[in-house]
N, C-alpha and C. Protein backbone atom coordinates (compact mmCIF):
# COMPACT_ATOMS: atom_id res chain seq x y z
N MET A 1 91.16 122.59 105.01
CA MET A 1 90.33 122.50 103.82
C MET A 1 89.18 123.48 103.91
N ASN A 2 88.76 123.92 102.77
CA ASN A 2 87.64 124.84 102.69
C ASN A 2 86.37 124.03 102.54
N ASP A 3 85.47 124.09 103.54
CA ASP A 3 84.25 123.29 103.48
C ASP A 3 83.08 124.05 102.86
N ARG A 4 83.32 125.28 102.42
CA ARG A 4 82.26 126.06 101.77
C ARG A 4 82.26 125.78 100.28
N SER A 5 81.08 125.67 99.71
CA SER A 5 81.01 125.60 98.26
C SER A 5 80.67 126.99 97.74
N THR A 6 81.25 127.34 96.63
CA THR A 6 81.02 128.67 96.08
C THR A 6 80.31 128.55 94.74
N THR A 7 79.62 129.59 94.38
CA THR A 7 78.94 129.64 93.10
C THR A 7 79.94 130.04 92.03
N ALA A 8 79.93 129.35 90.92
CA ALA A 8 80.89 129.62 89.85
C ALA A 8 80.30 130.59 88.84
N GLY A 9 81.05 131.64 88.53
CA GLY A 9 80.62 132.60 87.53
C GLY A 9 81.31 132.40 86.20
N GLY A 10 82.26 131.47 86.13
CA GLY A 10 82.99 131.22 84.90
C GLY A 10 82.11 130.71 83.78
N LEU A 11 81.04 130.03 84.13
CA LEU A 11 80.10 129.55 83.12
C LEU A 11 79.52 130.72 82.33
N PHE A 12 79.16 131.78 83.02
CA PHE A 12 78.59 132.94 82.35
C PHE A 12 79.62 133.64 81.46
N LEU A 13 80.87 133.63 81.89
CA LEU A 13 81.94 134.20 81.08
C LEU A 13 82.08 133.42 79.77
N MET A 14 82.13 132.09 79.87
CA MET A 14 82.27 131.26 78.68
C MET A 14 81.07 131.40 77.75
N LEU A 15 79.87 131.34 78.31
CA LEU A 15 78.67 131.46 77.48
C LEU A 15 78.59 132.82 76.79
N ALA A 16 78.92 133.87 77.50
CA ALA A 16 78.86 135.20 76.91
C ALA A 16 79.86 135.34 75.76
N ILE A 17 81.05 134.77 75.91
CA ILE A 17 82.04 134.84 74.83
C ILE A 17 81.54 134.07 73.61
N LEU A 18 81.00 132.88 73.83
CA LEU A 18 80.51 132.08 72.70
C LEU A 18 79.32 132.75 72.01
N ILE A 19 78.38 133.25 72.80
CA ILE A 19 77.22 133.93 72.22
C ILE A 19 77.68 135.18 71.46
N GLY A 20 78.62 135.91 72.04
CA GLY A 20 79.15 137.10 71.38
C GLY A 20 79.84 136.75 70.07
N ALA A 21 80.56 135.64 70.05
CA ALA A 21 81.24 135.22 68.81
C ALA A 21 80.23 134.87 67.73
N PHE A 22 79.19 134.14 68.09
CA PHE A 22 78.17 133.79 67.10
C PHE A 22 77.41 135.03 66.63
N TRP A 23 77.14 135.94 67.55
CA TRP A 23 76.48 137.20 67.14
C TRP A 23 77.40 137.97 66.20
N GLY A 24 78.67 138.03 66.55
CA GLY A 24 79.62 138.75 65.71
C GLY A 24 79.74 138.14 64.32
N LEU A 25 79.72 136.82 64.25
CA LEU A 25 79.76 136.17 62.93
C LEU A 25 78.52 136.51 62.11
N SER A 26 77.38 136.60 62.78
CA SER A 26 76.13 136.87 62.05
C SER A 26 76.09 138.30 61.49
N VAL A 27 76.79 139.23 62.13
CA VAL A 27 76.79 140.61 61.63
C VAL A 27 78.09 140.96 60.90
N GLY A 28 78.98 139.97 60.76
CA GLY A 28 80.21 140.19 60.01
C GLY A 28 81.35 140.80 60.80
N GLU A 29 81.26 140.83 62.10
CA GLU A 29 82.32 141.37 62.98
C GLU A 29 82.60 140.41 64.13
N PRO A 30 83.24 139.26 63.86
CA PRO A 30 83.42 138.27 64.92
C PRO A 30 84.27 138.77 66.10
N MET A 31 85.30 139.56 65.83
CA MET A 31 86.15 140.04 66.94
C MET A 31 85.39 141.00 67.83
N LEU A 32 84.56 141.83 67.25
CA LEU A 32 83.74 142.74 68.05
C LEU A 32 82.79 141.94 68.94
N GLY A 33 82.21 140.88 68.40
CA GLY A 33 81.32 140.03 69.19
C GLY A 33 82.04 139.37 70.34
N ILE A 34 83.26 138.89 70.08
CA ILE A 34 84.04 138.26 71.15
C ILE A 34 84.37 139.27 72.24
N LEU A 35 84.76 140.47 71.85
CA LEU A 35 85.10 141.49 72.84
C LEU A 35 83.89 141.90 73.66
N ARG A 36 82.76 142.10 73.00
CA ARG A 36 81.54 142.45 73.74
C ARG A 36 81.11 141.31 74.65
N GLY A 37 81.19 140.08 74.15
CA GLY A 37 80.84 138.93 74.97
C GLY A 37 81.74 138.79 76.18
N THR A 38 83.03 139.06 75.99
CA THR A 38 83.97 139.00 77.11
C THR A 38 83.63 140.05 78.16
N GLY A 39 83.32 141.25 77.72
CA GLY A 39 82.95 142.31 78.66
C GLY A 39 81.70 141.97 79.44
N ILE A 40 80.69 141.49 78.74
CA ILE A 40 79.44 141.12 79.42
C ILE A 40 79.68 139.94 80.36
N GLY A 41 80.48 138.97 79.93
CA GLY A 41 80.79 137.82 80.78
C GLY A 41 81.54 138.20 82.04
N ILE A 42 82.46 139.14 81.93
CA ILE A 42 83.20 139.61 83.11
C ILE A 42 82.25 140.28 84.09
N VAL A 43 81.36 141.11 83.57
CA VAL A 43 80.39 141.78 84.45
C VAL A 43 79.52 140.75 85.16
N LEU A 44 79.04 139.74 84.44
CA LEU A 44 78.20 138.71 85.05
C LEU A 44 78.97 137.89 86.08
N ALA A 45 80.21 137.51 85.77
CA ALA A 45 81.01 136.72 86.70
C ALA A 45 81.31 137.50 87.98
N VAL A 46 81.63 138.77 87.85
CA VAL A 46 81.89 139.60 89.03
C VAL A 46 80.61 139.78 89.85
N ALA A 47 79.48 139.96 89.17
CA ALA A 47 78.20 140.09 89.88
C ALA A 47 77.89 138.83 90.67
N ILE A 48 78.11 137.66 90.07
CA ILE A 48 77.89 136.39 90.78
C ILE A 48 78.81 136.29 91.99
N TRP A 49 80.05 136.71 91.82
CA TRP A 49 81.02 136.66 92.92
C TRP A 49 80.58 137.57 94.07
N ILE A 50 80.14 138.78 93.74
CA ILE A 50 79.70 139.73 94.78
C ILE A 50 78.45 139.21 95.48
N ILE A 51 77.50 138.70 94.72
CA ILE A 51 76.28 138.16 95.32
C ILE A 51 76.60 136.99 96.23
N ASP A 52 77.51 136.12 95.80
CA ASP A 52 77.90 134.97 96.62
C ASP A 52 78.57 135.40 97.92
N ARG A 53 79.43 136.42 97.83
CA ARG A 53 80.08 136.92 99.05
C ARG A 53 79.08 137.50 100.02
N ARG A 54 78.14 138.27 99.51
CA ARG A 54 77.14 138.88 100.39
C ARG A 54 76.23 137.83 101.00
N ARG A 55 75.88 136.83 100.21
CA ARG A 55 74.99 135.77 100.70
C ARG A 55 75.65 135.00 101.82
N ARG A 56 76.96 134.80 101.71
CA ARG A 56 77.68 134.06 102.73
C ARG A 56 78.13 134.92 103.90
N GLY A 57 78.08 136.22 103.71
CA GLY A 57 78.45 137.13 104.78
C GLY A 57 79.94 137.17 105.09
N THR A 58 80.76 137.01 104.08
CA THR A 58 82.21 137.03 104.30
C THR A 58 82.78 138.34 103.77
N ASP A 59 83.87 138.74 104.36
CA ASP A 59 84.53 139.96 103.95
C ASP A 59 85.68 139.66 102.98
N ARG A 60 86.17 138.45 102.93
CA ARG A 60 87.33 138.13 102.10
C ARG A 60 86.95 137.40 100.87
């Protein structure tokens, strides 16, 4: 069993998609908002993953 707890970045992905969708609706381009939100969410989730790996000092 893995006894380490990890930080989840999926929350930022979900929030970014939802915020992007609402922004897109407000400017009349909902799909553009979803795509931008997805891109920003992926960047944030990967950043959280990298920070978590470095903080724990693991290579894998």
